[in-house]
Amino acid sequence: MKQITAHDIYGNQYEVLANRLEFRFSVYGLLLKENKILLIKEFGKLGFPGGGVHLDEKLEEALKREIFEETGYRIESKKLLTVDDSYFKLPGSGKFVHSIFLFYKCEILSGQLTDKFFTNGEKKTSQKANWYELDKINESEFNPDYLEILRTIIHDQN
């Protein structure tokens, strides 16, 4: 059986047999305004609002649900920007996944920034989303799985 090197949100590495992996599709929204980007801190690391797709959801439905839960904003998906993947150990669960990430450029339609729609799990692991200036984001505070897309956004804004 093939061995895979997976990592966690803190950069620790794990050797895992491929048959221990599960697929996890997830969608993330990139919301920009005036050289700022909306980010959420989960498990102590910054990342884009979004998360896992449920089996009974279309991608667009999951994106809208996740962003509303994590930010309070109703959004419209404008464009699929990129797709990426990672072998990842889910925080707190011990499960290893082959994560497929879909990143969408989004526009806010309505709502107010809040954490009152967090799920019970998010209430324990996440902080209220906030707007961050693109040129002041410390990469060491960022989820390593999303660093390349962040760098691309920063590059494209300059």
Protein backbone atom coordinates (compact mmCIF):
# COMPACT_ATOMS: atom_id res chain seq x y z
CA MET A 1 0.00 0.00 0.00
CA LYS A 2 1.28 3.44 -0.94
CA GLN A 3 2.27 5.81 1.87
CA ILE A 4 1.29 9.47 1.73
CA THR A 5 2.84 12.37 3.61
CA ALA A 6 0.04 14.41 5.15
CA HIS A 7 0.30 17.53 7.26
CA ASP A 8 -1.78 19.40 9.79
CA ILE A 9 -2.63 23.08 10.08
CA TYR A 10 0.54 23.68 12.12
CA GLY A 11 2.90 22.10 9.55
CA ASN A 12 3.49 18.79 11.35
CA GLN A 13 3.94 15.87 8.95
CA TYR A 14 2.52 12.35 9.16
CA GLU A 15 3.17 9.22 7.12
CA VAL A 16 -0.21 7.65 6.36
CA LEU A 17 -1.28 4.63 4.37
CA ALA A 18 -3.34 5.76 1.38
CA ASN A 19 -6.25 3.52 2.37
CA ARG A 20 -6.70 5.62 5.56
CA LEU A 21 -7.53 8.72 3.50
CA GLU A 22 -11.03 9.98 2.79
CA PHE A 23 -11.94 12.52 0.12
CA ARG A 24 -13.07 15.91 1.41
CA PHE A 25 -14.36 18.49 -1.03
CA SER A 26 -14.36 22.03 0.28
CA VAL A 27 -15.25 25.45 -1.10
CA TYR A 28 -13.83 28.83 -0.11
CA GLY A 29 -14.85 32.39 -0.90
CA LEU A 30 -12.42 35.17 -1.66
CA LEU A 31 -14.03 38.47 -0.77
CA LEU A 32 -12.01 41.59 -1.53
CA LYS A 33 -12.62 45.30 -0.99
CA GLU A 34 -10.26 48.26 -1.09
CA ASN A 35 -7.02 46.22 -0.87
CA LYS A 36 -8.48 44.15 2.00
CA ILE A 37 -9.54 40.52 2.14
CA LEU A 38 -12.03 38.84 4.45
CA LEU A 39 -10.36 36.11 6.53
CA ILE A 40 -11.35 33.92 9.45
CA LYS A 41 -9.09 32.50 12.14
CA GLU A 42 -9.68 28.79 12.77
CA PHE A 43 -7.53 26.65 15.06
CA GLY A 44 -5.23 29.65 15.46
CA LYS A 45 -4.52 30.09 11.72
CA LEU A 46 -5.96 32.56 9.22
CA GLY A 47 -7.82 31.26 6.21
CA PHE A 48 -10.58 32.01 3.77
CA PRO A 49 -14.22 31.61 4.83
CA GLY A 50 -15.62 28.32 3.64
CA GLY A 51 -15.49 24.63 4.39
CA GLY A 52 -16.67 21.16 3.59
CA VAL A 53 -19.33 20.26 1.05
CA HIS A 54 -22.10 18.00 2.37
CA LEU A 55 -23.09 15.02 0.24
CA ASP A 56 -26.56 16.50 -0.32
CA GLU A 57 -25.26 19.92 -1.48
CA LYS A 58 -24.24 21.39 -4.79
CA LEU A 59 -20.96 23.34 -4.68
CA GLU A 60 -22.71 26.71 -4.93
CA GLU A 61 -25.08 25.83 -2.08
CA ALA A 62 -22.18 24.78 0.14
CA LEU A 63 -20.26 27.97 -0.64
CA LYS A 64 -23.23 30.17 0.26
CA ARG A 65 -23.96 28.18 3.44
CA GLU A 66 -20.37 28.16 4.66
CA ILE A 67 -19.77 31.85 4.05
CA PHE A 68 -23.05 32.79 5.73
CA GLU A 69 -22.25 30.61 8.78
CA GLU A 70 -18.76 32.05 9.13
CA THR A 71 -19.38 35.70 8.23
CA GLY A 72 -23.09 36.57 8.24
CA TYR A 73 -22.86 37.67 4.60
CA ARG A 74 -25.10 36.52 1.76
CA ILE A 75 -22.89 36.21 -1.30
CA GLU A 76 -22.92 35.56 -4.99
CA SER A 77 -20.23 33.41 -6.55
CA LYS A 78 -18.64 35.29 -9.45
CA LYS A 79 -15.94 32.95 -10.72
CA LEU A 80 -14.09 29.75 -9.90
CA LEU A 81 -10.51 30.98 -9.50
CA THR A 82 -8.55 27.80 -8.91
CA VAL A 83 -8.63 24.25 -7.62
CA ASP A 84 -5.98 22.75 -5.38
CA ASP A 85 -5.53 19.69 -3.20
CA SER A 86 -3.69 18.53 -0.11
CA TYR A 87 -3.21 15.51 2.14
CA PHE A 88 -4.37 16.80 5.47
CA LYS A 89 -5.02 15.76 9.07
CA LEU A 90 -8.29 17.33 10.19
CA PRO A 91 -7.85 19.23 13.46
CA GLY A 92 -9.32 17.57 16.50
CA SER A 93 -10.54 14.43 14.73
CA GLY A 94 -7.47 12.41 13.84
CA LYS A 95 -8.95 11.79 10.38
CA PHE A 96 -6.72 12.06 7.35
CA VAL A 97 -8.20 13.38 4.13
CA HIS A 98 -7.30 14.10 0.55
CA SER A 99 -8.75 17.61 0.48
CA ILE A 100 -9.92 19.08 -2.79
CA PHE A 101 -10.16 22.89 -2.47
CA LEU A 102 -12.23 25.06 -4.80
CA PHE A 103 -11.63 28.80 -4.49
CA TYR A 104 -14.27 31.23 -5.76
CA LYS A 105 -14.23 34.98 -6.17
CA CYS A 106 -17.37 36.21 -4.43
CA GLU A 107 -19.36 39.38 -4.03
CA ILE A 108 -21.30 40.37 -0.91
CA LEU A 109 -25.00 40.88 -1.58
CA SER A 110 -26.23 41.60 1.95
CA GLY A 111 -25.66 40.94 5.64
CA GLN A 112 -23.45 42.15 8.44
CA LEU A 113 -20.16 40.71 9.64
CA THR A 114 -20.96 38.50 12.63
CA ASP A 115 -20.12 35.20 14.27
CA LYS A 116 -23.67 34.54 15.50
CA PHE A 117 -24.26 31.90 12.79
CA PHE A 118 -21.21 29.78 13.73
CA THR A 119 -21.93 26.09 14.10
CA ASN A 120 -21.28 24.56 17.53
CA GLY A 121 -17.91 23.32 16.31
CA GLU A 122 -16.95 26.74 14.93
CA LYS A 123 -17.87 28.37 18.23
CA LYS A 124 -15.09 26.29 19.84
CA THR A 125 -12.43 26.66 17.15
CA SER A 126 -12.98 29.92 15.27
CA GLN A 127 -12.86 33.66 15.79
CA LYS A 128 -15.08 36.21 14.09
CA ALA A 129 -14.00 36.94 10.51
CA ASN A 130 -12.32 40.24 9.85
CA TRP A 131 -11.00 42.38 7.00
CA TYR A 132 -7.21 42.26 6.63
CA GLU A 133 -5.03 44.57 4.57
CA LEU A 134 -3.38 42.44 1.90
CA ASP A 135 0.08 43.92 2.40
CA LYS A 136 0.03 43.40 6.18
CA ILE A 137 -0.84 39.68 6.40
CA ASN A 138 1.80 37.67 8.23
CA GLU A 139 2.23 34.42 6.27
CA SER A 140 3.28 32.50 9.40
CA GLU A 141 -0.24 33.10 10.76
CA PHE A 142 -1.86 31.72 7.60
CA ASN A 143 -3.11 28.19 6.93
CA PRO A 144 -0.30 26.62 4.84
CA ASP A 145 -2.77 25.02 2.41
CA TYR A 146 -3.95 28.43 1.24
CA LEU A 147 -0.63 30.33 1.04
CA GLU A 148 -0.21 30.04 -2.73
CA ILE A 149 -3.66 31.43 -3.49
CA LEU A 150 -3.04 34.24 -0.99
CA ARG A 151 0.27 35.08 -2.69
CA THR A 152 -1.47 35.08 -6.09
CA ILE A 153 -4.15 37.47 -4.81
CA ILE A 154 -1.55 39.82 -3.35
CA HIS A 155 0.46 39.73 -6.57
CA ASP A 156 -2.62 40.41 -8.71
CA GLN A 157 -3.63 43.38 -6.53
CA ASN A 158 -0.24 45.08 -6.98
